[in-house]
Amino acid sequence: MFATYAEAAQEQSLSGNSAADPLASSIEEARAKQNLYFQSLNQNLPEVSSEKDMEIAGPLGNIPIRLVYPNASKPLPCIIFIRGAGFWAGSLDSHARTIRSLALLSDCVVCAIDYRRTPEFHYPTQRDEVLQLITWLKQNASEVGINGKITLFGESAGATIALSAALSLRDKGDEALSGLTLFYNNAGGPNPKARAYSQWVWKQYLGHDGLSTDANAVPLLDDLKGLPPVWLGVGEDDPLMKDTVEVNKKILASGGKSTLMCYPNLPHAFVMYSGTLKPAYEALKTAALASSSFMHD
């Protein structure tokens, strides 16, 4: 593995695959290019005991999910993995390395959700599909080999969805979750001073221009009290670092439990490089152990 992100990024550039820009092409073309980028990051995947792809009923139709098992010895806790990719890209395959590594490092079943993407679908579709999955896993725990304990693991856009789902459960008095593990939150909503891509991402997710007053859609508008324990990770070179820092501050100010880990010289979305970049792998390992600890305390 490489010691620095610059080394890993240089190696990635040699593959000829780079992240797509949906502002520079049609959404279909951008997704096709992004899929190639994801494929290049998911070579030589770690071996797991088994995987199972299936669909569950959701509010707008069936929701594809993937269950990844580190071993089949006994029912295990479950981590729901919610991918980033700006709400508009990705699939069950796009984060295959992260999902498999997370299962192995945590010794938990990982359930990845292929939520409906923007711009075709807006908030609260993505949140509601995660909520439906939580309910389904609780009801079918024994059938899918889990013990009923669940945490959410979200990165970037997925961290936003995870926070929204957790806040929705909190508001209902539902204690279904044991914890939240969140990488590089994008939780503050659209910023008029942000780059065009960031503003576009939020417009597609919210379904309208400008700021939102919905504290569930934009979690940093909420007080963040009453959440289960939270682990937060972010790279110090991430332009969205302030969102993660603010989430941590608001949770602690509300009397909640939150752990913040800041990783030097790492950008946004660095966990995608866990196969080639040692600091990314170590960060994922720390997050995996935090997720597991929430369900064993």
C-alpha atoms as a PDB file:
ATOM      1  CA  MET A   1       0.000   0.000   0.000  1.00  0.00           C
ATOM      2  CA  PHE A   2       1.019   3.622  -0.525  1.00  0.00           C
ATOM      3  CA  ALA A   3       1.854   5.844   2.429  1.00  0.00           C
ATOM      4  CA  THR A   4       0.462   9.081   0.978  1.00  0.00           C
ATOM      5  CA  TYR A   5      -2.662  10.063  -0.910  1.00  0.00           C
ATOM      6  CA  ALA A   6      -0.561  11.727  -3.608  1.00  0.00           C
ATOM      7  CA  GLU A   7       1.096   8.390  -4.373  1.00  0.00           C
ATOM      8  CA  ALA A   8      -2.217   6.525  -4.467  1.00  0.00           C
ATOM      9  CA  ALA A   9      -3.827   9.216  -6.623  1.00  0.00           C
ATOM     10  CA  GLN A  10      -0.923   9.104  -9.057  1.00  0.00           C
ATOM     11  CA  GLU A  11      -1.323   5.341  -9.388  1.00  0.00           C
ATOM     12  CA  GLN A  12      -5.064   5.787  -9.925  1.00  0.00           C
ATOM     13  CA  SER A  13      -4.465   8.360 -12.662  1.00  0.00           C
ATOM     14  CA  LEU A  14      -2.435   5.781 -14.596  1.00  0.00           C
ATOM     15  CA  SER A  15      -5.601   3.703 -14.965  1.00  0.00           C
ATOM     16  CA  GLY A  16      -7.063   6.465 -17.117  1.00  0.00           C
ATOM     17  CA  ASN A  17     -10.225   6.567 -15.018  1.00  0.00           C
ATOM     18  CA  SER A  18     -11.237   9.659 -13.083  1.00  0.00           C
ATOM     19  CA  ALA A  19     -14.329  10.912 -11.301  1.00  0.00           C
ATOM     20  CA  ALA A  20     -17.114  12.231 -13.534  1.00  0.00           C
ATOM     21  CA  ASP A  21     -18.661  15.702 -13.607  1.00  0.00           C
ATOM     22  CA  PRO A  22     -22.450  15.625 -14.108  1.00  0.00           C
ATOM     23  CA  LEU A  23     -22.368  19.349 -14.954  1.00  0.00           C
ATOM     24  CA  ALA A  24     -20.206  18.646 -18.006  1.00  0.00           C
ATOM     25  CA  SER A  25     -22.336  15.928 -19.617  1.00  0.00           C
ATOM     26  CA  SER A  26     -25.692  14.209 -19.442  1.00  0.00           C
ATOM     27  CA  ILE A  27     -26.470  12.333 -16.232  1.00  0.00           C
ATOM     28  CA  GLU A  28     -26.310   9.038 -18.157  1.00  0.00           C
ATOM     29  CA  GLU A  29     -22.834   9.814 -19.525  1.00  0.00           C
ATOM     30  CA  ALA A  30     -21.630  10.989 -16.126  1.00  0.00           C
ATOM     31  CA  ARG A  31     -22.861   7.810 -14.457  1.00  0.00           C
ATOM     32  CA  ALA A  32     -21.187   5.648 -17.101  1.00  0.00           C
ATOM     33  CA  LYS A  33     -17.858   7.416 -16.545  1.00  0.00           C
ATOM     34  CA  GLN A  34     -18.263   7.295 -12.766  1.00  0.00           C
ATOM     35  CA  ASN A  35     -18.954   3.558 -12.945  1.00  0.00           C
ATOM     36  CA  LEU A  36     -15.626   3.035 -14.719  1.00  0.00           C
ATOM     37  CA  TYR A  37     -13.915   5.063 -12.010  1.00  0.00           C
ATOM     38  CA  PHE A  38     -15.540   2.944  -9.317  1.00  0.00           C
ATOM     39  CA  GLN A  39     -14.588  -0.278 -11.110  1.00  0.00           C
ATOM     40  CA  SER A  40     -10.946   0.778 -11.161  1.00  0.00           C
ATOM     41  CA  LEU A  41     -11.020   1.192  -7.372  1.00  0.00           C
ATOM     42  CA  ASN A  42     -12.617  -2.196  -6.771  1.00  0.00           C
ATOM     43  CA  GLN A  43     -10.050  -4.614  -8.197  1.00  0.00           C
ATOM     44  CA  ASN A  44      -8.850  -7.702  -6.274  1.00  0.00           C
ATOM     45  CA  LEU A  45     -11.571  -7.547  -3.649  1.00  0.00           C
ATOM     46  CA  PRO A  46     -11.046  -9.178  -0.245  1.00  0.00           C
ATOM     47  CA  GLU A  47     -12.716 -12.560   0.222  1.00  0.00           C
ATOM     48  CA  VAL A  48     -15.765 -12.795   2.467  1.00  0.00           C
ATOM     49  CA  SER A  49     -17.768 -15.799   3.627  1.00  0.00           C
ATOM     50  CA  SER A  50     -20.759 -15.011   1.408  1.00  0.00           C
ATOM     51  CA  GLU A  51     -22.832 -12.314  -0.265  1.00  0.00           C
ATOM     52  CA  LYS A  52     -26.546 -12.236  -0.953  1.00  0.00           C
ATOM     53  CA  ASP A  53     -28.306  -9.797  -3.290  1.00  0.00           C
ATOM     54  CA  MET A  54     -32.038  -9.362  -2.873  1.00  0.00           C
ATOM     55  CA  GLU A  55     -34.824  -6.800  -3.029  1.00  0.00           C
ATOM     56  CA  ILE A  56     -37.218  -5.614  -0.362  1.00  0.00           C
ATOM     57  CA  ALA A  57     -40.475  -3.715  -0.756  1.00  0.00           C
ATOM     58  CA  GLY A  58     -40.128   0.038  -0.428  1.00  0.00           C
ATOM     59  CA  PRO A  59     -42.329   3.154  -0.554  1.00  0.00           C
ATOM     60  CA  LEU A  60     -41.666   3.639  -4.289  1.00  0.00           C
ATOM     61  CA  GLY A  61     -41.048   0.048  -5.344  1.00  0.00           C
ATOM     62  CA  ASN A  62     -38.481  -2.616  -4.612  1.00  0.00           C
ATOM     63  CA  ILE A  63     -35.141  -1.608  -3.068  1.00  0.00           C
ATOM     64  CA  PRO A  64     -32.018  -3.611  -3.993  1.00  0.00           C
ATOM     65  CA  ILE A  65     -29.826  -4.564  -1.040  1.00  0.00           C
ATOM     66  CA  ARG A  66     -26.677  -6.656  -0.590  1.00  0.00           C
ATOM     67  CA  LEU A  67     -25.906  -8.630   2.556  1.00  0.00           C
ATOM     68  CA  VAL A  68     -22.206  -9.358   3.135  1.00  0.00           C
ATOM     69  CA  TYR A  69     -21.212 -11.970   5.719  1.00  0.00           C
ATOM     70  CA  PRO A  70     -17.718 -12.142   7.269  1.00  0.00           C
ATOM     71  CA  ASN A  71     -18.527 -15.612   8.624  1.00  0.00           C
ATOM     72  CA  ALA A  72     -21.554 -17.816   9.051  1.00  0.00           C
ATOM     73  CA  SER A  73     -20.949 -19.086  12.559  1.00  0.00           C
ATOM     74  CA  LYS A  74     -23.727 -17.241  14.402  1.00  0.00           C
ATOM     75  CA  PRO A  75     -26.151 -14.308  14.088  1.00  0.00           C
ATOM     76  CA  LEU A  76     -24.162 -11.069  14.041  1.00  0.00           C
ATOM     77  CA  PRO A  77     -24.857  -7.356  14.486  1.00  0.00           C
ATOM     78  CA  CYS A  78     -25.661  -5.489  11.271  1.00  0.00           C
ATOM     79  CA  ILE A  79     -24.124  -2.370   9.759  1.00  0.00           C
ATOM     80  CA  ILE A  80     -26.236  -0.643   7.108  1.00  0.00           C
ATOM     81  CA  PHE A  81     -23.882   0.906   4.560  1.00  0.00           C
ATOM     82  CA  ILE A  82     -25.129   4.067   2.801  1.00  0.00           C
ATOM     83  CA  ARG A  83     -22.847   5.162  -0.033  1.00  0.00           C
ATOM     84  CA  GLY A  84     -21.914   8.689  -0.985  1.00  0.00           C
ATOM     85  CA  ALA A  85     -21.356   9.628  -4.653  1.00  0.00           C
ATOM     86  CA  GLY A  86     -23.288  12.886  -4.486  1.00  0.00           C
ATOM     87  CA  PHE A  87     -26.719  11.211  -4.282  1.00  0.00           C
ATOM     88  CA  TRP A  88     -26.650  10.808  -8.084  1.00  0.00           C
ATOM     89  CA  ALA A  89     -24.165   7.976  -8.732  1.00  0.00           C
ATOM     90  CA  GLY A  90     -23.097   4.598  -7.423  1.00  0.00           C
ATOM     91  CA  SER A  91     -24.688   1.190  -6.946  1.00  0.00           C
ATOM     92  CA  LEU A  92     -24.251  -1.976  -4.907  1.00  0.00           C
ATOM     93  CA  ASP A  93     -21.004  -2.581  -6.799  1.00  0.00           C
ATOM     94  CA  SER A  94     -19.500   0.904  -6.596  1.00  0.00           C
ATOM     95  CA  HIS A  95     -18.297   0.524  -3.004  1.00  0.00           C
ATOM     96  CA  ALA A  96     -17.716  -3.225  -3.003  1.00  0.00           C
ATOM     97  CA  ARG A  97     -14.264  -2.955  -1.435  1.00  0.00           C
ATOM     98  CA  THR A  98     -15.492  -0.722   1.367  1.00  0.00           C
ATOM     99  CA  ILE A  99     -18.450  -3.003   2.056  1.00  0.00           C
ATOM    100  CA  ARG A 100     -16.416  -6.201   2.154  1.00  0.00           C
ATOM    101  CA  SER A 101     -13.608  -4.672   4.181  1.00  0.00           C
ATOM    102  CA  LEU A 102     -16.120  -3.228   6.629  1.00  0.00           C
ATOM    103  CA  ALA A 103     -17.663  -6.666   7.186  1.00  0.00           C
ATOM    104  CA  LEU A 104     -14.280  -8.309   7.756  1.00  0.00           C
ATOM    105  CA  LEU A 105     -12.875  -5.568   9.985  1.00  0.00           C
ATOM    106  CA  SER A 106     -16.000  -5.257  12.148  1.00  0.00           C
ATOM    107  CA  ASP A 107     -17.047  -8.928  12.195  1.00  0.00           C
ATOM    108  CA  CYS A 108     -20.563  -7.728  11.462  1.00  0.00           C
ATOM    109  CA  VAL A 109     -23.000  -8.392   8.642  1.00  0.00           C
ATOM    110  CA  VAL A 110     -22.980  -5.407   6.296  1.00  0.00           C
ATOM    111  CA  CYS A 111     -26.173  -4.567   4.464  1.00  0.00           C
ATOM    112  CA  ALA A 112     -25.641  -2.129   1.580  1.00  0.00           C
ATOM    113  CA  ILE A 113     -28.648  -0.278   0.192  1.00  0.00           C
ATOM    114  CA  ASP A 114     -29.018   0.859  -3.406  1.00  0.00           C
ATOM    115  CA  TYR A 115     -31.205   3.866  -2.688  1.00  0.00           C
ATOM    116  CA  ARG A 116     -32.916   5.736  -5.511  1.00  0.00           C
ATOM    117  CA  ARG A 117     -30.674   8.384  -6.997  1.00  0.00           C
ATOM    118  CA  THR A 118     -31.052  12.032  -7.841  1.00  0.00           C
ATOM    119  CA  PRO A 119     -32.040  13.875  -9.970  1.00  0.00           C
ATOM    120  CA  GLU A 120     -34.856  11.411 -10.707  1.00  0.00           C
ATOM    121  CA  PHE A 121     -35.770  11.184  -7.011  1.00  0.00           C
ATOM    122  CA  HIS A 122     -35.473  13.837  -4.291  1.00  0.00           C
ATOM    123  CA  TYR A 123     -35.454  13.894  -0.496  1.00  0.00           C
ATOM    124  CA  PRO A 124     -37.152  12.278   1.436  1.00  0.00           C
ATOM    125  CA  THR A 125     -37.087   9.244  -0.889  1.00  0.00           C
ATOM    126  CA  GLN A 126     -33.559   8.225   0.092  1.00  0.00           C
ATOM    127  CA  ARG A 127     -34.184   8.665   3.818  1.00  0.00           C
ATOM    128  CA  ASP A 128     -37.464   6.775   3.661  1.00  0.00           C
ATOM    129  CA  GLU A 129     -35.837   3.840   1.879  1.00  0.00           C
ATOM    130  CA  VAL A 130     -33.234   3.587   4.639  1.00  0.00           C
ATOM    131  CA  LEU A 131     -35.988   3.722   7.257  1.00  0.00           C
ATOM    132  CA  GLN A 132     -37.842   0.953   5.427  1.00  0.00           C
ATOM    133  CA  LEU A 133     -34.677  -1.167   5.391  1.00  0.00           C
ATOM    134  CA  ILE A 134     -34.202  -0.701   9.142  1.00  0.00           C
ATOM    135  CA  THR A 135     -37.767  -1.878   9.756  1.00  0.00           C
ATOM    136  CA  TRP A 136     -37.343  -4.835   7.399  1.00  0.00           C
ATOM    137  CA  LEU A 137     -34.091  -5.962   9.020  1.00  0.00           C
ATOM    138  CA  LYS A 138     -35.654  -5.801  12.473  1.00  0.00           C
ATOM    139  CA  GLN A 139     -38.606  -7.892  11.297  1.00  0.00           C
ATOM    140  CA  ASN A 140     -36.490 -10.436   9.413  1.00  0.00           C
ATOM    141  CA  ALA A 141     -33.414 -10.588  11.646  1.00  0.00           C
ATOM    142  CA  SER A 142     -33.325 -14.347  12.163  1.00  0.00           C
ATOM    143  CA  GLU A 143     -33.943 -15.087   8.476  1.00  0.00           C
ATOM    144  CA  VAL A 144     -30.937 -13.009   7.348  1.00  0.00           C
ATOM    145  CA  GLY A 145     -28.586 -14.065  10.140  1.00  0.00           C
ATOM    146  CA  ILE A 146     -28.416 -10.925  12.263  1.00  0.00           C
ATOM    147  CA  ASN A 147     -29.071 -10.464  15.967  1.00  0.00           C
ATOM    148  CA  GLY A 148     -31.259  -7.373  15.645  1.00  0.00           C
ATOM    149  CA  LYS A 149     -28.635  -4.780  16.586  1.00  0.00           C
ATOM    150  CA  ILE A 150     -28.131  -2.164  13.860  1.00  0.00           C
ATOM    151  CA  THR A 151     -25.876   0.806  13.190  1.00  0.00           C
ATOM    152  CA  LEU A 152     -25.765   3.121  10.190  1.00  0.00           C
ATOM    153  CA  PHE A 153     -22.530   3.711   8.298  1.00  0.00           C
ATOM    154  CA  GLY A 154     -22.663   6.637   5.870  1.00  0.00           C
ATOM    155  CA  GLU A 155     -20.100   8.524   3.836  1.00  0.00           C
ATOM    156  CA  SER A 156     -20.566  11.999   2.345  1.00  0.00           C
ATOM    157  CA  ALA A 157     -24.082  12.067   0.858  1.00  0.00           C
ATOM    158  CA  GLY A 158     -24.701   8.771   2.618  1.00  0.00           C
ATOM    159  CA  ALA A 159     -23.775  10.372   5.934  1.00  0.00           C
ATOM    160  CA  THR A 160     -26.415  13.032   5.284  1.00  0.00           C
ATOM    161  CA  ILE A 161     -29.027  10.347   4.631  1.00  0.00           C
ATOM    162  CA  ALA A 162     -27.929   8.441   7.731  1.00  0.00           C
ATOM    163  CA  LEU A 163     -28.260  11.510   9.941  1.00  0.00           C
ATOM    164  CA  SER A 164     -31.683  12.302   8.499  1.00  0.00           C
ATOM    165  CA  ALA A 165     -32.863   8.745   9.149  1.00  0.00           C
ATOM    166  CA  ALA A 166     -31.491   8.790  12.703  1.00  0.00           C
ATOM    167  CA  LEU A 167     -33.142  12.138  13.443  1.00  0.00           C
ATOM    168  CA  SER A 168     -36.441  10.877  12.049  1.00  0.00           C
ATOM    169  CA  LEU A 169     -36.278   7.842  14.328  1.00  0.00           C
ATOM    170  CA  ARG A 170     -35.389  10.084  17.270  1.00  0.00           C
ATOM    171  CA  ASP A 171     -38.434  12.253  16.609  1.00  0.00           C
ATOM    172  CA  LYS A 172     -40.619   9.136  16.690  1.00  0.00           C
ATOM    173  CA  GLY A 173     -39.043   7.907  19.919  1.00  0.00           C
ATOM    174  CA  ASP A 174     -37.708   4.859  18.062  1.00  0.00           C
ATOM    175  CA  GLU A 175     -34.451   3.465  19.486  1.00  0.00           C
ATOM    176  CA  ALA A 176     -33.763   1.075  16.616  1.00  0.00           C
ATOM    177  CA  LEU A 177     -30.172   2.232  16.134  1.00  0.00           C
ATOM    178  CA  SER A 178     -27.163   1.420  18.314  1.00  0.00           C
ATOM    179  CA  GLY A 179     -24.925   4.052  16.722  1.00  0.00           C
ATOM    180  CA  LEU A 180     -23.845   6.094  13.705  1.00  0.00           C
ATOM    181  CA  THR A 181     -20.510   5.929  11.886  1.00  0.00           C
ATOM    182  CA  LEU A 182     -20.119   8.837   9.485  1.00  0.00           C
ATOM    183  CA  PHE A 183     -17.325   9.832   7.122  1.00  0.00           C
ATOM    184  CA  TYR A 184     -16.984  13.393   5.789  1.00  0.00           C
ATOM    185  CA  ASN A 185     -20.494  14.701   6.359  1.00  0.00           C
ATOM    186  CA  ASN A 186     -22.192  16.872   3.779  1.00  0.00           C
ATOM    187  CA  ALA A 187     -24.780  18.052   6.268  1.00  0.00           C
ATOM    188  CA  GLY A 188     -24.964  21.831   6.005  1.00  0.00           C
ATOM    189  CA  GLY A 189     -27.060  22.299   2.901  1.00  0.00           C
ATOM    190  CA  PRO A 190     -26.341  24.408  -0.183  1.00  0.00           C
ATOM    191  CA  ASN A 191     -23.851  27.235   0.187  1.00  0.00           C
ATOM    192  CA  PRO A 192     -24.050  30.058  -2.391  1.00  0.00           C
ATOM    193  CA  LYS A 193     -20.273  30.475  -2.112  1.00  0.00           C
ATOM    194  CA  ALA A 194     -19.546  26.788  -2.739  1.00  0.00           C
ATOM    195  CA  ARG A 195     -18.387  25.427  -6.082  1.00  0.00           C
ATOM    196  CA  ALA A 196     -21.012  24.830  -8.751  1.00  0.00           C
ATOM    197  CA  TYR A 197     -20.941  21.048  -8.344  1.00  0.00           C
ATOM    198  CA  SER A 198     -21.741  21.255  -4.624  1.00  0.00           C
ATOM    199  CA  GLN A 199     -24.672  23.571  -5.278  1.00  0.00           C
ATOM    200  CA  TRP A 200     -25.924  21.264  -8.038  1.00  0.00           C
ATOM    201  CA  VAL A 201     -25.760  18.235  -5.722  1.00  0.00           C
ATOM    202  CA  TRP A 202     -27.961  19.922  -3.142  1.00  0.00           C
ATOM    203  CA  LYS A 203     -30.415  21.243  -5.733  1.00  0.00           C
ATOM    204  CA  GLN A 204     -30.960  17.746  -7.112  1.00  0.00           C
ATOM    205  CA  TYR A 205     -31.363  16.287  -3.615  1.00  0.00           C
ATOM    206  CA  LEU A 206     -33.725  18.921  -2.240  1.00  0.00           C
ATOM    207  CA  GLY A 207     -35.584  19.377  -5.506  1.00  0.00           C
ATOM    208  CA  HIS A 208     -35.330  23.165  -5.466  1.00  0.00           C
ATOM    209  CA  ASP A 209     -32.854  26.028  -5.622  1.00  0.00           C
ATOM    210  CA  GLY A 210     -31.402  27.695  -2.567  1.00  0.00           C
ATOM    211  CA  LEU A 211     -31.463  26.943   1.111  1.00  0.00           C
ATOM    212  CA  SER A 212     -33.897  24.622   2.819  1.00  0.00           C
ATOM    213  CA  THR A 213     -35.655  25.179   6.114  1.00  0.00           C
ATOM    214  CA  ASP A 214     -36.223  21.437   6.620  1.00  0.00           C
ATOM    215  CA  ALA A 215     -34.032  20.408   9.549  1.00  0.00           C
ATOM    216  CA  ASN A 216     -34.342  16.771   8.601  1.00  0.00           C
ATOM    217  CA  ALA A 217     -33.196  17.266   5.009  1.00  0.00           C
ATOM    218  CA  VAL A 218     -30.297  19.455   6.180  1.00  0.00           C
ATOM    219  CA  PRO A 219     -29.229  17.910   9.505  1.00  0.00           C
ATOM    220  CA  LEU A 220     -27.083  20.831  10.672  1.00  0.00           C
ATOM    221  CA  LEU A 221     -30.255  22.900  10.917  1.00  0.00           C
ATOM    222  CA  ASP A 222     -31.307  20.595  13.768  1.00  0.00           C
ATOM    223  CA  ASP A 223     -29.958  20.542  17.322  1.00  0.00           C
ATOM    224  CA  LEU A 224     -28.744  16.920  16.925  1.00  0.00           C
ATOM    225  CA  LYS A 225     -29.777  15.984  20.447  1.00  0.00           C
ATOM    226  CA  GLY A 226     -31.005  12.525  21.365  1.00  0.00           C
ATOM    227  CA  LEU A 227     -28.912  10.607  18.842  1.00  0.00           C
ATOM    228  CA  PRO A 228     -27.221   7.278  19.583  1.00  0.00           C
ATOM    229  CA  PRO A 229     -23.407   7.386  19.941  1.00  0.00           C
ATOM    230  CA  VAL A 230     -21.664   8.805  16.866  1.00  0.00           C
ATOM    231  CA  TRP A 231     -18.203   8.308  15.339  1.00  0.00           C
ATOM    232  CA  LEU A 232     -17.051  10.916  12.804  1.00  0.00           C
ATOM    233  CA  GLY A 233     -14.110  10.764  10.403  1.00  0.00           C
ATOM    234  CA  VAL A 234     -12.861  13.415   7.980  1.00  0.00           C
ATOM    235  CA  GLY A 235      -9.714  14.327   6.078  1.00  0.00           C
ATOM    236  CA  GLU A 236      -8.058  17.620   6.941  1.00  0.00           C
ATOM    237  CA  ASP A 237      -7.871  18.503   3.225  1.00  0.00           C
ATOM    238  CA  ASP A 238     -11.618  18.032   2.764  1.00  0.00           C
ATOM    239  CA  PRO A 239     -13.436  21.223   1.694  1.00  0.00           C
ATOM    240  CA  LEU A 240     -16.429  19.949   3.678  1.00  0.00           C
ATOM    241  CA  MET A 241     -14.427  19.400   6.867  1.00  0.00           C
ATOM    242  CA  LYS A 242     -16.311  22.182   8.664  1.00  0.00           C
ATOM    243  CA  ASP A 243     -19.573  20.228   8.326  1.00  0.00           C
ATOM    244  CA  THR A 244     -18.121  17.252  10.210  1.00  0.00           C
ATOM    245  CA  VAL A 245     -16.603  19.509  12.877  1.00  0.00           C
ATOM    246  CA  GLU A 246     -19.925  21.301  13.322  1.00  0.00           C
ATOM    247  CA  VAL A 247     -21.847  18.022  13.601  1.00  0.00           C
ATOM    248  CA  ASN A 248     -19.465  16.955  16.360  1.00  0.00           C
ATOM    249  CA  LYS A 249     -19.853  20.280  18.195  1.00  0.00           C
ATOM    250  CA  LYS A 250     -23.653  20.189  18.054  1.00  0.00           C
ATOM    251  CA  ILE A 251     -23.862  16.607  19.288  1.00  0.00           C
ATOM    252  CA  LEU A 252     -21.555  17.331  22.228  1.00  0.00           C
ATOM    253  CA  ALA A 253     -23.365  20.587  23.013  1.00  0.00           C
ATOM    254  CA  SER A 254     -26.639  18.654  23.213  1.00  0.00           C
ATOM    255  CA  GLY A 255     -25.157  16.219  25.735  1.00  0.00           C
ATOM    256  CA  GLY A 256     -24.690  13.402  23.248  1.00  0.00           C
ATOM    257  CA  LYS A 257     -21.730  11.117  22.634  1.00  0.00           C
ATOM    258  CA  SER A 258     -19.489  11.849  19.647  1.00  0.00           C
ATOM    259  CA  THR A 259     -15.926  10.954  18.655  1.00  0.00           C
ATOM    260  CA  LEU A 260     -14.194  13.000  15.953  1.00  0.00           C
ATOM    261  CA  MET A 261     -11.165  11.714  14.035  1.00  0.00           C
ATOM    262  CA  CYS A 262      -9.357  14.118  11.662  1.00  0.00           C
ATOM    263  CA  TYR A 263      -6.901  12.575   9.223  1.00  0.00           C
ATOM    264  CA  PRO A 264      -4.003  14.717   7.953  1.00  0.00           C
ATOM    265  CA  ASN A 265      -3.295  15.137   4.244  1.00  0.00           C
ATOM    266  CA  LEU A 266      -6.453  13.314   3.143  1.00  0.00           C
ATOM    267  CA  PRO A 267      -9.210  14.752   0.895  1.00  0.00           C
ATOM    268  CA  HIS A 268     -12.910  14.091   0.556  1.00  0.00           C
ATOM    269  CA  ALA A 269     -13.937  10.486  -0.217  1.00  0.00           C
ATOM    270  CA  PHE A 270     -10.533   9.050   0.722  1.00  0.00           C
ATOM    271  CA  VAL A 271     -11.984   5.779   2.049  1.00  0.00           C
ATOM    272  CA  MET A 272     -12.517   4.713  -1.574  1.00  0.00           C
ATOM    273  CA  TYR A 273      -8.726   4.265  -1.695  1.00  0.00           C
ATOM    274  CA  SER A 274      -8.573   1.737   1.151  1.00  0.00           C
ATOM    275  CA  GLY A 275      -7.187  -0.885  -1.238  1.00  0.00           C
ATOM    276  CA  THR A 276      -4.081   1.135  -2.115  1.00  0.00           C
ATOM    277  CA  LEU A 277      -3.681   3.795   0.590  1.00  0.00           C
ATOM    278  CA  LYS A 278      -2.642   2.650   4.056  1.00  0.00           C
ATOM    279  CA  PRO A 279      -4.040   5.692   5.969  1.00  0.00           C
ATOM    280  CA  ALA A 280      -7.422   5.118   4.282  1.00  0.00           C
ATOM    281  CA  TYR A 281      -7.413   1.444   5.257  1.00  0.00           C
ATOM    282  CA  GLU A 282      -6.465   2.297   8.841  1.00  0.00           C
ATOM    283  CA  ALA A 283      -9.245   4.893   9.032  1.00  0.00           C
ATOM    284  CA  LEU A 284     -11.767   2.356   7.747  1.00  0.00           C
ATOM    285  CA  LYS A 285     -10.514  -0.155  10.311  1.00  0.00           C
ATOM    286  CA  THR A 286     -10.977   2.368  13.126  1.00  0.00           C
ATOM    287  CA  ALA A 287     -14.485   3.175  11.890  1.00  0.00           C
ATOM    288  CA  ALA A 288     -15.354  -0.522  11.590  1.00  0.00           C
ATOM    289  CA  LEU A 289     -14.273  -1.191  15.169  1.00  0.00           C
ATOM    290  CA  ALA A 290     -16.286   1.825  16.348  1.00  0.00           C
ATOM    291  CA  SER A 291     -19.373   0.484  14.553  1.00  0.00           C
ATOM    292  CA  SER A 292     -18.916  -2.906  16.169  1.00  0.00           C
ATOM    293  CA  SER A 293     -18.386  -1.406  19.629  1.00  0.00           C
ATOM    294  CA  PHE A 294     -21.714   0.433  19.449  1.00  0.00           C
ATOM    295  CA  MET A 295     -23.468  -2.932  19.218  1.00  0.00           C
ATOM    296  CA  HIS A 296     -21.476  -4.662  21.937  1.00  0.00           C
ATOM    297  CA  ASP A 297     -21.580  -1.991  24.661  1.00  0.00           C
END
